[in-house]
Structures are given as C-alpha cells and as structure tokens.
C-alpha cells in the first residue's frame, strides 16, 4: 500500500509534532509492506516561528520505505485553506493509494481517497478565540467535505464534539489515540541524571537548581491553547499547597513574552516576577516559566519531577498525560473533556476550577510515597494502551477500509 502523509508539524515540538512523528513511527513499526511519501515544510520555523525544533523526524524519514518531500511554504497561504496548491504536484509525481492530512484541512480535489485528522473541536466551540482562522477553516472543511473519505479523531470525546458541531456523520469517523515516538534510548537517557547535569537551555538552569519540583507542561504556542491549559488555577493550587522547598516549573513551547506570561500566571505573580537567566521567575523564585526546550531536555525535566500538574480545562487528547504515565511520574490533571478517557484511574483528576482540590491532590502525592508509587504503577500499566503498534495497526485498518 502506498500512503501519502502531509505532516506540517513533523519537525517541531509540542503535541502536534509528537502526533506527526508518532504517526510516522507507528506506520513504520507495523508496515514492512508500506510505501510512505512524507510531505513536510523544508523550514518548519518559517511556518511555526514560536515553536521549538525536534530532530526526531530525521531517523524516521531515513527509512528506505519513506520518500521524503519538502516544500517552501507559499507566502500568504494558510493551513486553514485547501491544500491543493501544496499537494497537487508532489502527489502527481508520487502517486499514492491513500492520502492522510494531519491537521484539520485537506484537498478539495484529492487524486485518491483522503483522511483528515481533527485534534479537537476548539475552533468550532470557541470561534471568537480563533478569529478569522475559525471561519476560514470551517469554509475549507465545507469545500472538502465531499472528498473526505474518513475523518480521524484522537479521542472519542473529541469525535463527539466535532460530529455535533461541524456537523459530520459519526459513521464516517474513526478514533485513533496518540502514541509516543520517542526511542527507548532517548527515554532511558532522560531518566539518567548524569546525562543532563548541565544547563537545560543555553545559559539556563540545571535540574539540580530546582531541587524538589512540580512540572506543568503547557504545550502549544497558540493563545487559545495556553488559556485552556488553565495555568492560573494551577498556580493558585500550588500556592495553596504550602510545602517549603518545592518549586513549580512551567514548561511552555512558546517564546517567553508578556502576552504568554499574562495567560499563564495570575496577575500578581506576573507583576511581581521578572525575567532572569532566560526564564521568568516569581518574586520568591518558587515559580519558573521556562523558554523553549528541545525534546530531550523537556523529557528530562518531566521525568525528574515529583509530579506532573496538568490543570487543563479543554483537550482533544492530552499528550502530557501519556508522557507522564510512560515516564513513571504521578499525574494530577483536570477532569475535563478527553482526560478521563485517556487517564482512566492512573492519575488524580480534579474539577478544573477547584483550587483546593488541586492543592490537596498535589499534597497527597508529595507527602504519601506509597500512594504516589501506586499511581506510578497504574500509569505504567495504562501507558501500554498507547503503543506505536496499536496506533499503527489502527491506522492501517483505516487505510484498508478507505480502499475497500
């Protein structure tokens, strides 16, 4: 089977980059018979200037089953528009049996059956936040609707929201959960404290500088995604925790600026803190907002945390949850949208507006090591549901169904 994959986020950090690399790794894991044409931007920074770069794609596209095609992003184009001007030529030169477009939009006139991935229903539920992009993306979906053979959603909760709001026929959808593409040796290196004994970013902090800390992975660099991560409530819960010597480290994939900080922090924390050593630090230095981290130091920062705080109020999936479970770090997260589906009983889920409950959940993990160990074990068992093999098999089944 010949599969064309449009993966615009292949080379960048954040959840969408993890999805693209995970998808490619999953297909390579289960498909010795597959021939993959991967189409991605030659300069990811031109398309996503605020994102970090993740080099994990290089080993994937070096596989002999992959034909790797890059393009220069056309000036004035948007990922919210039909993809025909970008994909028409490479697909004509490299015919495929099926096409997958990994980010909400597809081709209006694809040369083969086409699948489109929806990561959440955010632009449908909160169009005012997305501005013109919401209307532009929705118009594109309408133009491409008749040529979408399969809509792929990353959670059942997300699928239900998309189908209700778009609307879209649920019978034409498939739910395929995410998986992590990080190599075993990379995960092992992240757990090795001597591997990352130096600064995590140029001129920045080391892991030892933080002592005991809670990590909050914020993720995507767009304003809507930062707001929905609900970090001001998480910060308030941390302040209510009141355990001396414990820091809160917030890892964002956005470049630190006043707008980002205002969306991540309560006003008093933002007003009284300052930028020092490449990171934003609260007045008492117990809260730190990090600059962009590459994938390896990010995983190291996550695995050496005492717990992961993910107070999100809206997700299409929630990749930090499976990152925490895979790395063996206890998880406290918002009980919202897709998180109950993804986490199950392998983490402590809290109502997103309940500051006191976030503080209590963190306190229980930090002060009860046996309880924390039980959560870690549940997380490791739960992580077995999110393997590359499972994702690869489900994706191949989707493609085979499209051809049938």
Foldseek 3Di string as FASTA:
>chain_A
DEEEEEQALCFWDFDSVQQSLLLLLLQVVPPPPYAYEYEYAPDSCVVVVFTHTAPPCPVSCVPPSYHYHHDHDDPPDDPLAECCVPVVVVCVVPPGQEYEYEDLAYHLDDPHQYEYEDFACVCQVCVVQVDPSSVSNLVRCVSNVVRHQAYEAQFPLRLVNDCVRSNDDSVRYDHFHAFGNDDPVLLVLLLDLVSQQDAQDVQADGPVVLPAEEEEEQGDARPVSLLQQLQQLVVLLVVVLPDPSYAYEYEYRGADDLSSCPSRHDPVQSVQWDDDRQWIAGNVRRYIYHYHGYPSSVLSNLLPHQAYERLGADGSADVVLLSCLQSLHAYEYAPYRHVCVLCPPLHHHDHSNDSNVSSVRVNCSVPPVVVSNVSSVSSPVSSVVNHSNSSNVVVVVVSVVSSD
